[in-house]
Amino acid sequence: MSQNEDLELQDLNKLGAPATSGTVEEEDDGQAGQPRTATDLEPVFDIPVHVSAVLGKSTMQVSQLMKLGRGAVVELDRKVGEAIDIYVNNRLVARGEVVVMDDRLGITMTEIIKGEKD
């Protein structure tokens, strides 16, 4: 894992990221009273992240997997309408639901998961 993939909130604050929503006033850098903007986050814009949405899980033998064909239905461990898990860099960060927008699938976040530091 590279150094950029493991940035903590304090690191983002050093780069200029707001700690809370809205604007944050500068403290000790000589720009007191100046609001921060999205351009303050530019140093973190190019950091790659892996986002995955887990609809459910299933366990099967490899022989069963090899027999699956186009149109096969795999039963998952969740019910229709149940929240899905949203992972960023293999860490659970939110729960949400699947939505359809212009014939495409999307995800709406309905709950943010506050994780503990490692």
PDB file of N, CA and C in Angstrom:
ATOM      1  N   MET A   1       0.850  -1.176   0.000  1.00  0.00           N
ATOM      2  CA  MET A   1       0.000   0.000   0.000  1.00  0.00           C
ATOM      3  C   MET A   1       0.893   1.236   0.000  1.00  0.00           C
ATOM      4  N   SER A   2       0.584   2.168  -0.878  1.00  0.00           N
ATOM      5  CA  SER A   2       1.433   3.350  -0.959  1.00  0.00           C
ATOM      6  C   SER A   2       1.076   4.339   0.141  1.00  0.00           C
ATOM      7  N   GLN A   3       1.967   5.288   0.335  1.00  0.00           N
ATOM      8  CA  GLN A   3       1.769   6.288   1.388  1.00  0.00           C
ATOM      9  C   GLN A   3       0.502   7.102   1.131  1.00  0.00           C
ATOM     10  N   ASN A   4       0.207   7.401  -0.144  1.00  0.00           N
ATOM     11  CA  ASN A   4      -0.961   8.214  -0.477  1.00  0.00           C
ATOM     12  C   ASN A   4      -2.272   7.503  -0.196  1.00  0.00           C
ATOM     13  N   GLU A   5      -2.285   6.162  -0.243  1.00  0.00           N
ATOM     14  CA  GLU A   5      -3.524   5.425  -0.039  1.00  0.00           C
ATOM     15  C   GLU A   5      -3.973   5.441   1.412  1.00  0.00           C
ATOM     16  N   ASP A   6      -3.095   5.775   2.339  1.00  0.00           N
ATOM     17  CA  ASP A   6      -3.400   5.662   3.743  1.00  0.00           C
ATOM     18  C   ASP A   6      -3.455   7.020   4.430  1.00  0.00           C
ATOM     19  N   LEU A   7      -3.917   8.061   3.721  1.00  0.00           N
ATOM     20  CA  LEU A   7      -4.013   9.389   4.317  1.00  0.00           C
ATOM     21  C   LEU A   7      -5.071   9.414   5.405  1.00  0.00           C
ATOM     22  N   GLU A   8      -4.751   9.995   6.496  1.00  0.00           N
ATOM     23  CA  GLU A   8      -5.695  10.159   7.589  1.00  0.00           C
ATOM     24  C   GLU A   8      -6.293  11.560   7.518  1.00  0.00           C
ATOM     25  N   LEU A   9      -7.333  11.816   8.283  1.00  0.00           N
ATOM     26  CA  LEU A   9      -8.003  13.103   8.289  1.00  0.00           C
ATOM     27  C   LEU A   9      -7.040  14.228   8.631  1.00  0.00           C
ATOM     28  N   GLN A  10      -6.119  13.981   9.573  1.00  0.00           N
ATOM     29  CA  GLN A  10      -5.159  15.016   9.944  1.00  0.00           C
ATOM     30  C   GLN A  10      -4.279  15.368   8.743  1.00  0.00           C
ATOM     31  N   ASP A  11      -3.911  14.353   7.943  1.00  0.00           N
ATOM     32  CA  ASP A  11      -3.084  14.581   6.768  1.00  0.00           C
ATOM     33  C   ASP A  11      -3.833  15.429   5.748  1.00  0.00           C
ATOM     34  N   LEU A  12      -5.123  15.149   5.564  1.00  0.00           N
ATOM     35  CA  LEU A  12      -5.914  15.936   4.635  1.00  0.00           C
ATOM     36  C   LEU A  12      -6.037  17.373   5.114  1.00  0.00           C
ATOM     37  N   ASN A  13      -6.161  17.553   6.427  1.00  0.00           N
ATOM     38  CA  ASN A  13      -6.242  18.911   6.960  1.00  0.00           C
ATOM     39  C   ASN A  13      -4.959  19.676   6.679  1.00  0.00           C
ATOM     40  N   LYS A  14      -3.810  18.997   6.748  1.00  0.00           N
ATOM     41  CA  LYS A  14      -2.540  19.647   6.445  1.00  0.00           C
ATOM     42  C   LYS A  14      -2.479  20.056   4.985  1.00  0.00           C
ATOM     43  N   LEU A  15      -3.169  19.260   4.114  1.00  0.00           N
ATOM     44  CA  LEU A  15      -3.191  19.576   2.697  1.00  0.00           C
ATOM     45  C   LEU A  15      -4.227  20.631   2.351  1.00  0.00           C
ATOM     46  N   GLY A  16      -5.057  21.013   3.318  1.00  0.00           N
ATOM     47  CA  GLY A  16      -6.043  22.052   3.063  1.00  0.00           C
ATOM     48  C   GLY A  16      -7.471  21.567   3.025  1.00  0.00           C
ATOM     49  N   ALA A  17      -7.721  20.312   3.347  1.00  0.00           N
ATOM     50  CA  ALA A  17      -9.076  19.787   3.311  1.00  0.00           C
ATOM     51  C   ALA A  17      -9.857  20.250   4.526  1.00  0.00           C
ATOM     52  N   PRO A  18     -11.123  20.640   4.340  1.00  0.00           N
ATOM     53  CA  PRO A  18     -11.924  21.025   5.485  1.00  0.00           C
ATOM     54  C   PRO A  18     -12.184  19.843   6.403  1.00  0.00           C
ATOM     55  N   ALA A  19     -12.172  20.075   7.693  1.00  0.00           N
ATOM     56  CA  ALA A  19     -12.423  19.010   8.666  1.00  0.00           C
ATOM     57  C   ALA A  19     -13.908  18.737   8.807  1.00  0.00           C
ATOM     58  N   THR A  20     -14.737  19.713   8.477  1.00  0.00           N
ATOM     59  CA  THR A  20     -16.179  19.545   8.553  1.00  0.00           C
ATOM     60  C   THR A  20     -16.792  20.102   7.291  1.00  0.00           C
ATOM     61  N   SER A  21     -18.096  19.933   7.140  1.00  0.00           N
ATOM     62  CA  SER A  21     -18.743  20.466   5.958  1.00  0.00           C
ATOM     63  C   SER A  21     -18.772  21.985   6.020  1.00  0.00           C
ATOM     64  N   GLY A  22     -18.922  22.596   4.844  1.00  0.00           N
ATOM     65  CA  GLY A  22     -18.914  24.052   4.790  1.00  0.00           C
ATOM     66  C   GLY A  22     -17.501  24.567   4.711  1.00  0.00           C
ATOM     67  N   THR A  23     -17.300  25.812   5.056  1.00  0.00           N
ATOM     68  CA  THR A  23     -15.955  26.378   4.997  1.00  0.00           C
ATOM     69  C   THR A  23     -15.321  26.334   6.371  1.00  0.00           C
ATOM     70  N   VAL A  24     -14.011  26.315   6.378  1.00  0.00           N
ATOM     71  CA  VAL A  24     -13.240  26.274   7.612  1.00  0.00           C
ATOM     72  C   VAL A  24     -12.297  27.455   7.586  1.00  0.00           C
ATOM     73  N   GLU A  25     -12.196  28.133   8.676  1.00  0.00           N
ATOM     74  CA  GLU A  25     -11.305  29.284   8.749  1.00  0.00           C
ATOM     75  C   GLU A  25      -9.877  28.820   8.960  1.00  0.00           C
ATOM     76  N   GLU A  26      -8.934  29.474   8.291  1.00  0.00           N
ATOM     77  CA  GLU A  26      -7.518  29.182   8.468  1.00  0.00           C
ATOM     78  C   GLU A  26      -7.115  29.588   9.875  1.00  0.00           C
ATOM     79  N   GLU A  27      -6.117  28.892  10.445  1.00  0.00           N
ATOM     80  CA  GLU A  27      -5.737  29.192  11.815  1.00  0.00           C
ATOM     81  C   GLU A  27      -4.415  29.926  11.923  1.00  0.00           C
ATOM     82  N   ASP A  28      -3.306  29.267  11.649  1.00  0.00           N
ATOM     83  CA  ASP A  28      -2.002  29.840  11.949  1.00  0.00           C
ATOM     84  C   ASP A  28      -1.136  30.071  10.722  1.00  0.00           C
ATOM     85  N   ASP A  29      -1.708  30.182   9.528  1.00  0.00           N
ATOM     86  CA  ASP A  29      -0.852  30.330   8.354  1.00  0.00           C
ATOM     87  C   ASP A  29      -0.884  31.738   7.765  1.00  0.00           C
ATOM     88  N   GLY A  30      -1.343  32.706   8.519  1.00  0.00           N
ATOM     89  CA  GLY A  30      -1.324  34.087   8.061  1.00  0.00           C
ATOM     90  C   GLY A  30      -2.509  34.465   7.202  1.00  0.00           C
ATOM     91  N   GLN A  31      -3.436  33.536   6.982  1.00  0.00           N
ATOM     92  CA  GLN A  31      -4.610  33.828   6.175  1.00  0.00           C
ATOM     93  C   GLN A  31      -5.870  33.735   7.021  1.00  0.00           C
ATOM     94  N   ALA A  32      -5.812  34.230   8.225  1.00  0.00           N
ATOM     95  CA  ALA A  32      -6.949  34.145   9.138  1.00  0.00           C
ATOM     96  C   ALA A  32      -8.166  34.797   8.493  1.00  0.00           C
ATOM     97  N   GLY A  33      -9.300  34.130   8.618  1.00  0.00           N
ATOM     98  CA  GLY A  33     -10.546  34.662   8.094  1.00  0.00           C
ATOM     99  C   GLY A  33     -10.817  34.289   6.647  1.00  0.00           C
ATOM    100  N   GLN A  34      -9.880  33.635   5.960  1.00  0.00           N
ATOM    101  CA  GLN A  34     -10.074  33.256   4.565  1.00  0.00           C
ATOM    102  C   GLN A  34     -10.739  31.880   4.507  1.00  0.00           C
ATOM    103  N   PRO A  35     -11.880  31.752   3.817  1.00  0.00           N
ATOM    104  CA  PRO A  35     -12.527  30.442   3.704  1.00  0.00           C
ATOM    105  C   PRO A  35     -11.755  29.534   2.756  1.00  0.00           C
ATOM    106  N   ARG A  36     -11.801  28.238   2.997  1.00  0.00           N
ATOM    107  CA  ARG A  36     -11.168  27.254   2.128  1.00  0.00           C
ATOM    108  C   ARG A  36     -12.143  26.879   1.027  1.00  0.00           C
ATOM    109  N   THR A  37     -11.612  26.487  -0.112  1.00  0.00           N
ATOM    110  CA  THR A  37     -12.445  26.108  -1.255  1.00  0.00           C
ATOM    111  C   THR A  37     -12.022  24.738  -1.762  1.00  0.00           C
ATOM    112  N   ALA A  38     -12.718  24.258  -2.791  1.00  0.00           N
ATOM    113  CA  ALA A  38     -12.407  22.955  -3.376  1.00  0.00           C
ATOM    114  C   ALA A  38     -11.000  22.925  -3.953  1.00  0.00           C
ATOM    115  N   THR A  39     -10.473  24.052  -4.399  1.00  0.00           N
ATOM    116  CA  THR A  39      -9.119  24.060  -4.952  1.00  0.00           C
ATOM    117  C   THR A  39      -8.079  23.729  -3.894  1.00  0.00           C
ATOM    118  N   ASP A  40      -8.412  23.906  -2.622  1.00  0.00           N
ATOM    119  CA  ASP A  40      -7.494  23.534  -1.547  1.00  0.00           C
ATOM    120  C   ASP A  40      -7.290  22.020  -1.483  1.00  0.00           C
ATOM    121  N   LEU A  41      -8.209  21.262  -2.068  1.00  0.00           N
ATOM    122  CA  LEU A  41      -8.122  19.797  -2.056  1.00  0.00           C
ATOM    123  C   LEU A  41      -7.363  19.234  -3.252  1.00  0.00           C
ATOM    124  N   GLU A  42      -6.909  20.076  -4.161  1.00  0.00           N
ATOM    125  CA  GLU A  42      -6.257  19.607  -5.378  1.00  0.00           C
ATOM    126  C   GLU A  42      -5.134  18.597  -5.142  1.00  0.00           C
ATOM    127  N   PRO A  43      -4.341  18.699  -4.075  1.00  0.00           N
ATOM    128  CA  PRO A  43      -3.278  17.697  -3.878  1.00  0.00           C
ATOM    129  C   PRO A  43      -3.795  16.267  -3.719  1.00  0.00           C
ATOM    130  N   VAL A  44      -5.046  16.073  -3.341  1.00  0.00           N
ATOM    131  CA  VAL A  44      -5.563  14.711  -3.146  1.00  0.00           C
ATOM    132  C   VAL A  44      -6.449  14.244  -4.294  1.00  0.00           C
ATOM    133  N   PHE A  45      -6.686  15.071  -5.304  1.00  0.00           N
ATOM    134  CA  PHE A  45      -7.570  14.695  -6.407  1.00  0.00           C
ATOM    135  C   PHE A  45      -7.057  13.509  -7.216  1.00  0.00           C
ATOM    136  N   ASP A  46      -5.759  13.332  -7.335  1.00  0.00           N
ATOM    137  CA  ASP A  46      -5.197  12.270  -8.165  1.00  0.00           C
ATOM    138  C   ASP A  46      -4.861  10.996  -7.401  1.00  0.00           C
ATOM    139  N   ILE A  47      -5.247  10.904  -6.144  1.00  0.00           N
ATOM    140  CA  ILE A  47      -4.986   9.694  -5.370  1.00  0.00           C
ATOM    141  C   ILE A  47      -6.021   8.645  -5.765  1.00  0.00           C
ATOM    142  N   PRO A  48      -5.571   7.494  -6.276  1.00  0.00           N
ATOM    143  CA  PRO A  48      -6.534   6.468  -6.689  1.00  0.00           C
ATOM    144  C   PRO A  48      -7.183   5.777  -5.492  1.00  0.00           C
ATOM    145  N   VAL A  49      -8.466   5.512  -5.616  1.00  0.00           N
ATOM    146  CA  VAL A  49      -9.189   4.752  -4.600  1.00  0.00           C
ATOM    147  C   VAL A  49      -9.990   3.659  -5.306  1.00  0.00           C
ATOM    148  N   HIS A  50     -10.168   2.557  -4.622  1.00  0.00           N
ATOM    149  CA  HIS A  50     -10.950   1.436  -5.150  1.00  0.00           C
ATOM    150  C   HIS A  50     -12.285   1.439  -4.415  1.00  0.00           C
ATOM    151  N   VAL A  51     -13.373   1.637  -5.151  1.00  0.00           N
ATOM    152  CA  VAL A  51     -14.708   1.670  -4.558  1.00  0.00           C
ATOM    153  C   VAL A  51     -15.468   0.434  -5.028  1.00  0.00           C
ATOM    154  N   SER A  52     -16.091  -0.265  -4.084  1.00  0.00           N
ATOM    155  CA  SER A  52     -16.907  -1.428  -4.446  1.00  0.00           C
ATOM    156  C   SER A  52     -18.203  -1.408  -3.653  1.00  0.00           C
ATOM    157  N   ALA A  53     -19.255  -1.870  -4.301  1.00  0.00           N
ATOM    158  CA  ALA A  53     -20.570  -1.975  -3.672  1.00  0.00           C
ATOM    159  C   ALA A  53     -20.941  -3.455  -3.629  1.00  0.00           C
ATOM    160  N   VAL A  54     -21.187  -3.969  -2.436  1.00  0.00           N
ATOM    161  CA  VAL A  54     -21.483  -5.392  -2.257  1.00  0.00           C
ATOM    162  C   VAL A  54     -22.980  -5.563  -2.089  1.00  0.00           C
ATOM    163  N   LEU A  55     -23.603  -6.202  -3.080  1.00  0.00           N
ATOM    164  CA  LEU A  55     -25.039  -6.447  -3.043  1.00  0.00           C
ATOM    165  C   LEU A  55     -25.388  -7.599  -2.118  1.00  0.00           C
ATOM    166  N   GLY A  56     -24.479  -8.539  -2.001  1.00  0.00           N
ATOM    167  CA  GLY A  56     -24.688  -9.709  -1.157  1.00  0.00           C
ATOM    168  C   GLY A  56     -23.572 -10.696  -1.410  1.00  0.00           C
ATOM    169  N   LYS A  57     -23.612 -11.814  -0.709  1.00  0.00           N
ATOM    170  CA  LYS A  57     -22.573 -12.833  -0.846  1.00  0.00           C
ATOM    171  C   LYS A  57     -23.221 -14.194  -1.026  1.00  0.00           C
ATOM    172  N   SER A  58     -22.460 -15.103  -1.622  1.00  0.00           N
ATOM    173  CA  SER A  58     -22.919 -16.474  -1.814  1.00  0.00           C
ATOM    174  C   SER A  58     -21.710 -17.391  -1.782  1.00  0.00           C
ATOM    175  N   THR A  59     -21.905 -18.601  -1.328  1.00  0.00           N
ATOM    176  CA  THR A  59     -20.836 -19.590  -1.289  1.00  0.00           C
ATOM    177  C   THR A  59     -21.245 -20.765  -2.160  1.00  0.00           C
ATOM    178  N   MET A  60     -20.320 -21.207  -3.022  1.00  0.00           N
ATOM    179  CA  MET A  60     -20.595 -22.380  -3.853  1.00  0.00           C
ATOM    180  C   MET A  60     -19.284 -23.068  -4.195  1.00  0.00           C
ATOM    181  N   GLN A  61     -19.378 -24.301  -4.564  1.00  0.00           N
ATOM    182  CA  GLN A  61     -18.208 -25.059  -4.964  1.00  0.00           C
ATOM    183  C   GLN A  61     -17.784 -24.624  -6.362  1.00  0.00           C
ATOM    184  N   VAL A  62     -16.511 -24.806  -6.655  1.00  0.00           N
ATOM    185  CA  VAL A  62     -15.987 -24.421  -7.964  1.00  0.00           C
ATOM    186  C   VAL A  62     -16.724 -25.173  -9.065  1.00  0.00           C
ATOM    187  N   SER A  63     -17.059 -26.419  -8.839  1.00  0.00           N
ATOM    188  CA  SER A  63     -17.776 -27.199  -9.862  1.00  0.00           C
ATOM    189  C   SER A  63     -19.130 -26.574 -10.168  1.00  0.00           C
ATOM    190  N   GLN A  64     -19.816 -26.051  -9.137  1.00  0.00           N
ATOM    191  CA  GLN A  64     -21.096 -25.366  -9.366  1.00  0.00           C
ATOM    192  C   GLN A  64     -20.871 -24.068 -10.143  1.00  0.00           C
ATOM    193  N   LEU A  65     -19.818 -23.335  -9.793  1.00  0.00           N
ATOM    194  CA  LEU A  65     -19.493 -22.087 -10.465  1.00  0.00           C
ATOM    195  C   LEU A  65     -19.225 -22.324 -11.945  1.00  0.00           C
ATOM    196  N   MET A  66     -18.510 -23.394 -12.270  1.00  0.00           N
ATOM    197  CA  MET A  66     -18.178 -23.698 -13.661  1.00  0.00           C
ATOM    198  C   MET A  66     -19.416 -24.070 -14.479  1.00  0.00           C
ATOM    199  N   LYS A  67     -20.464 -24.547 -13.823  1.00  0.00           N
ATOM    200  CA  LYS A  67     -21.684 -24.931 -14.528  1.00  0.00           C
ATOM    201  C   LYS A  67     -22.600 -23.733 -14.809  1.00  0.00           C
ATOM    202  N   LEU A  68     -22.314 -22.588 -14.190  1.00  0.00           N
ATOM    203  CA  LEU A  68     -23.159 -21.414 -14.413  1.00  0.00           C
ATOM    204  C   LEU A  68     -23.024 -20.937 -15.854  1.00  0.00           C
ATOM    205  N   GLY A  69     -24.130 -20.557 -16.413  1.00  0.00           N
ATOM    206  CA  GLY A  69     -24.123 -20.035 -17.773  1.00  0.00           C
ATOM    207  C   GLY A  69     -24.793 -18.674 -17.804  1.00  0.00           C
ATOM    208  N   ARG A  70     -24.866 -18.113 -19.003  1.00  0.00           N
ATOM    209  CA  ARG A  70     -25.516 -16.811 -19.178  1.00  0.00           C
ATOM    210  C   ARG A  70     -26.959 -16.889 -18.691  1.00  0.00           C
ATOM    211  N   GLY A  71     -27.335 -15.900 -17.885  1.00  0.00           N
ATOM    212  CA  GLY A  71     -28.702 -15.840 -17.370  1.00  0.00           C
ATOM    213  C   GLY A  71     -28.912 -16.633 -16.092  1.00  0.00           C
ATOM    214  N   ALA A  72     -27.864 -17.288 -15.593  1.00  0.00           N
ATOM    215  CA  ALA A  72     -27.996 -18.054 -14.354  1.00  0.00           C
ATOM    216  C   ALA A  72     -28.277 -17.100 -13.194  1.00  0.00           C
ATOM    217  N   VAL A  73     -29.041 -17.560 -12.237  1.00  0.00           N
ATOM    218  CA  VAL A  73     -29.387 -16.762 -11.060  1.00  0.00           C
ATOM    219  C   VAL A  73     -28.644 -17.343  -9.862  1.00  0.00           C
ATOM    220  N   VAL A  74     -27.933 -16.463  -9.152  1.00  0.00           N
ATOM    221  CA  VAL A  74     -27.201 -16.875  -7.957  1.00  0.00           C
ATOM    222  C   VAL A  74     -27.897 -16.239  -6.762  1.00  0.00           C
ATOM    223  N   GLU A  75     -28.313 -17.058  -5.819  1.00  0.00           N
ATOM    224  CA  GLU A  75     -28.992 -16.557  -4.623  1.00  0.00           C
ATOM    225  C   GLU A  75     -27.979 -15.922  -3.679  1.00  0.00           C
ATOM    226  N   LEU A  76     -28.275 -14.703  -3.242  1.00  0.00           N
ATOM    227  CA  LEU A  76     -27.404 -13.992  -2.321  1.00  0.00           C
ATOM    228  C   LEU A  76     -27.964 -14.052  -0.912  1.00  0.00           C
ATOM    229  N   ASP A  77     -27.143 -13.652   0.068  1.00  0.00           N
ATOM    230  CA  ASP A  77     -27.533 -13.737   1.472  1.00  0.00           C
ATOM    231  C   ASP A  77     -28.353 -12.536   1.944  1.00  0.00           C
ATOM    232  N   ARG A  78     -28.761 -11.661   1.036  1.00  0.00           N
ATOM    233  CA  ARG A  78     -29.554 -10.491   1.410  1.00  0.00           C
ATOM    234  C   ARG A  78     -30.867 -10.485   0.665  1.00  0.00           C
ATOM    235  N   LYS A  79     -31.834  -9.811   1.258  1.00  0.00           N
ATOM    236  CA  LYS A  79     -33.158  -9.723   0.662  1.00  0.00           C
ATOM    237  C   LYS A  79     -33.255  -8.477  -0.213  1.00  0.00           C
ATOM    238  N   VAL A  80     -34.218  -8.476  -1.108  1.00  0.00           N
ATOM    239  CA  VAL A  80     -34.472  -7.313  -1.958  1.00  0.00           C
ATOM    240  C   VAL A  80     -34.819  -6.126  -1.072  1.00  0.00           C
ATOM    241  N   GLY A  81     -34.219  -4.984  -1.345  1.00  0.00           N
ATOM    242  CA  GLY A  81     -34.488  -3.775  -0.570  1.00  0.00           C
ATOM    243  C   GLY A  81     -33.595  -3.599   0.642  1.00  0.00           C
ATOM    244  N   GLU A  82     -32.826  -4.627   0.983  1.00  0.00           N
ATOM    245  CA  GLU A  82     -31.900  -4.522   2.115  1.00  0.00           C
ATOM    246  C   GLU A  82     -30.713  -3.658   1.706  1.00  0.00           C
ATOM    247  N   ALA A  83     -30.127  -2.936   2.654  1.00  0.00           N
ATOM    248  CA  ALA A  83     -29.009  -2.036   2.372  1.00  0.00           C
ATOM    249  C   ALA A  83     -27.802  -2.811   1.838  1.00  0.00           C
ATOM    250  N   ILE A  84     -27.063  -2.169   0.926  1.00  0.00           N
ATOM    251  CA  ILE A  84     -25.830  -2.755   0.414  1.00  0.00           C
ATOM    252  C   ILE A  84     -24.651  -2.104   1.124  1.00  0.00           C
ATOM    253  N   ASP A  85     -23.513  -2.776   1.134  1.00  0.00           N
ATOM    254  CA  ASP A  85     -22.306  -2.242   1.763  1.00  0.00           C
ATOM    255  C   ASP A  85     -21.449  -1.557   0.713  1.00  0.00           C
ATOM    256  N   ILE A  86     -20.895  -0.388   1.051  1.00  0.00           N
ATOM    257  CA  ILE A  86     -20.021   0.356   0.154  1.00  0.00           C
ATOM    258  C   ILE A  86     -18.641   0.410   0.792  1.00  0.00           C
ATOM    259  N   TYR A  87     -17.660  -0.118   0.078  1.00  0.00           N
ATOM    260  CA  TYR A  87     -16.288  -0.186   0.559  1.00  0.00           C
ATOM    261  C   TYR A  87     -15.410   0.767  -0.241  1.00  0.00           C
ATOM    262  N   VAL A  88     -14.486   1.442   0.432  1.00  0.00           N
ATOM    263  CA  VAL A  88     -13.453   2.242  -0.220  1.00  0.00           C
ATOM    264  C   VAL A  88     -12.120   1.695   0.270  1.00  0.00           C
ATOM    265  N   ASN A  89     -11.290   1.256  -0.672  1.00  0.00           N
ATOM    266  CA  ASN A  89     -10.012   0.619  -0.350  1.00  0.00           C
ATOM    267  C   ASN A  89     -10.189  -0.497   0.678  1.00  0.00           C
ATOM    268  N   ASN A  90     -11.192  -1.341   0.439  1.00  0.00           N
ATOM    269  CA  ASN A  90     -11.502  -2.512   1.263  1.00  0.00           C
ATOM    270  C   ASN A  90     -11.903  -2.175   2.696  1.00  0.00           C
ATOM    271  N   ARG A  91     -12.347  -0.961   2.922  1.00  0.00           N
ATOM    272  CA  ARG A  91     -12.828  -0.552   4.245  1.00  0.00           C
ATOM    273  C   ARG A  91     -14.297  -0.139   4.114  1.00  0.00           C
ATOM    274  N   LEU A  92     -15.156  -0.715   4.960  1.00  0.00           N
ATOM    275  CA  LEU A  92     -16.573  -0.370   4.940  1.00  0.00           C
ATOM    276  C   LEU A  92     -16.745   1.083   5.357  1.00  0.00           C
ATOM    277  N   VAL A  93     -17.307   1.899   4.467  1.00  0.00           N
ATOM    278  CA  VAL A  93     -17.461   3.323   4.769  1.00  0.00           C
ATOM    279  C   VAL A  93     -18.914   3.783   4.766  1.00  0.00           C
ATOM    280  N   ALA A  94     -19.798   3.019   4.119  1.00  0.00           N
ATOM    281  CA  ALA A  94     -21.193   3.467   4.029  1.00  0.00           C
ATOM    282  C   ALA A  94     -22.104   2.301   3.685  1.00  0.00           C
ATOM    283  N   ARG A  95     -23.385   2.557   3.840  1.00  0.00           N
ATOM    284  CA  ARG A  95     -24.424   1.639   3.368  1.00  0.00           C
ATOM    285  C   ARG A  95     -25.332   2.445   2.452  1.00  0.00           C
ATOM    286  N   GLY A  96     -25.964   1.767   1.541  1.00  0.00           N
ATOM    287  CA  GLY A  96     -26.802   2.490   0.596  1.00  0.00           C
ATOM    288  C   GLY A  96     -27.784   1.580  -0.088  1.00  0.00           C
ATOM    289  N   GLU A  97     -28.347   2.110  -1.177  1.00  0.00           N
ATOM    290  CA  GLU A  97     -29.303   1.334  -1.956  1.00  0.00           C
ATOM    291  C   GLU A  97     -29.036   1.540  -3.438  1.00  0.00           C
ATOM    292  N   VAL A  98     -29.453   0.557  -4.220  1.00  0.00           N
ATOM    293  CA  VAL A  98     -29.264   0.607  -5.663  1.00  0.00           C
ATOM    294  C   VAL A  98     -30.364   1.466  -6.274  1.00  0.00           C
ATOM    295  N   VAL A  99     -29.985   2.333  -7.201  1.00  0.00           N
ATOM    296  CA  VAL A  99     -30.950   3.166  -7.925  1.00  0.00           C
ATOM    297  C   VAL A  99     -30.690   3.012  -9.419  1.00  0.00           C
ATOM    298  N   VAL A 100     -31.714   3.282 -10.227  1.00  0.00           N
ATOM    299  CA  VAL A 100     -31.585   3.248 -11.680  1.00  0.00           C
ATOM    300  C   VAL A 100     -31.717   4.666 -12.192  1.00  0.00           C
ATOM    301  N   MET A 101     -30.722   5.094 -12.969  1.00  0.00           N
ATOM    302  CA  MET A 101     -30.731   6.437 -13.547  1.00  0.00           C
ATOM    303  C   MET A 101     -30.407   6.314 -15.033  1.00  0.00           C
ATOM    304  N   ASP A 102     -31.357   6.690 -15.892  1.00  0.00           N
ATOM    305  CA  ASP A 102     -31.145   6.640 -17.344  1.00  0.00           C
ATOM    306  C   ASP A 102     -30.631   5.280 -17.806  1.00  0.00           C
ATOM    307  N   ASP A 103     -31.288   4.225 -17.412  1.00  0.00           N
ATOM    308  CA  ASP A 103     -30.932   2.852 -17.784  1.00  0.00           C
ATOM    309  C   ASP A 103     -29.566   2.404 -17.270  1.00  0.00           C
ATOM    310  N   ARG A 104     -29.056   3.065 -16.254  1.00  0.00           N
ATOM    311  CA  ARG A 104     -27.794   2.672 -15.629  1.00  0.00           C
ATOM    312  C   ARG A 104     -28.038   2.465 -14.140  1.00  0.00           C
ATOM    313  N   LEU A 105     -27.246   1.571 -13.562  1.00  0.00           N
ATOM    314  CA  LEU A 105     -27.336   1.343 -12.122  1.00  0.00           C
ATOM    315  C   LEU A 105     -26.449   2.334 -11.393  1.00  0.00           C
ATOM    316  N   GLY A 106     -26.884   2.752 -10.236  1.00  0.00           N
ATOM    317  CA  GLY A 106     -26.097   3.638  -9.395  1.00  0.00           C
ATOM    318  C   GLY A 106     -26.326   3.284  -7.939  1.00  0.00           C
ATOM    319  N   ILE A 107     -25.633   3.991  -7.074  1.00  0.00           N
ATOM    320  CA  ILE A 107     -25.723   3.749  -5.635  1.00  0.00           C
ATOM    321  C   ILE A 107     -26.044   5.066  -4.944  1.00  0.00           C
ATOM    322  N   THR A 108     -26.980   5.047  -4.028  1.00  0.00           N
ATOM    323  CA  THR A 108     -27.260   6.190  -3.169  1.00  0.00           C
ATOM    324  C   THR A 108     -26.810   5.833  -1.759  1.00  0.00           C
ATOM    325  N   MET A 109     -25.961   6.676  -1.184  1.00  0.00           N
ATOM    326  CA  MET A 109     -25.517   6.422   0.190  1.00  0.00           C
ATOM    327  C   MET A 109     -26.612   6.868   1.141  1.00  0.00           C
ATOM    328  N   THR A 110     -26.984   5.972   2.044  1.00  0.00           N
ATOM    329  CA  THR A 110     -28.026   6.294   3.014  1.00  0.00           C
ATOM    330  C   THR A 110     -27.482   6.384   4.435  1.00  0.00           C
ATOM    331  N   GLU A 111     -26.288   5.826   4.656  1.00  0.00           N
ATOM    332  CA  GLU A 111     -25.702   5.820   5.997  1.00  0.00           C
ATOM    333  C   GLU A 111     -24.186   5.813   5.885  1.00  0.00           C
ATOM    334  N   ILE A 112     -23.529   6.692   6.600  1.00  0.00           N
ATOM    335  CA  ILE A 112     -22.075   6.709   6.664  1.00  0.00           C
ATOM    336  C   ILE A 112     -21.639   5.924   7.884  1.00  0.00           C
ATOM    337  N   ILE A 113     -20.677   5.030   7.704  1.00  0.00           N
ATOM    338  CA  ILE A 113     -20.193   4.193   8.797  1.00  0.00           C
ATOM    339  C   ILE A 113     -18.959   4.856   9.385  1.00  0.00           C
ATOM    340  N   LYS A 114     -19.011   5.137  10.678  1.00  0.00           N
ATOM    341  CA  LYS A 114     -17.852   5.706  11.350  1.00  0.00           C
ATOM    342  C   LYS A 114     -17.001   4.557  11.851  1.00  0.00           C
ATOM    343  N   GLY A 115     -15.813   4.427  11.257  1.00  0.00           N
ATOM    344  CA  GLY A 115     -14.915   3.333  11.597  1.00  0.00           C
ATOM    345  C   GLY A 115     -13.943   3.734  12.665  1.00  0.00           C
ATOM    346  N   GLU A 116     -13.339   2.729  13.266  1.00  0.00           N
ATOM    347  CA  GLU A 116     -12.294   2.975  14.273  1.00  0.00           C
ATOM    348  C   GLU A 116     -10.959   3.009  13.562  1.00  0.00           C
ATOM    349  N   LYS A 117     -10.024   3.789  14.119  1.00  0.00           N
ATOM    350  CA  LYS A 117      -8.674   3.826  13.575  1.00  0.00           C
ATOM    351  C   LYS A 117      -7.981   2.518  13.814  1.00  0.00           C
ATOM    352  N   ASP A 118      -7.139   2.119  12.842  1.00  0.00           N
ATOM    353  CA  ASP A 118      -6.374   0.877  12.976  1.00  0.00           C
ATOM    354  C   ASP A 118      -5.178   1.100  13.860  1.00  0.00           C
TER     355      ASP A 118
END
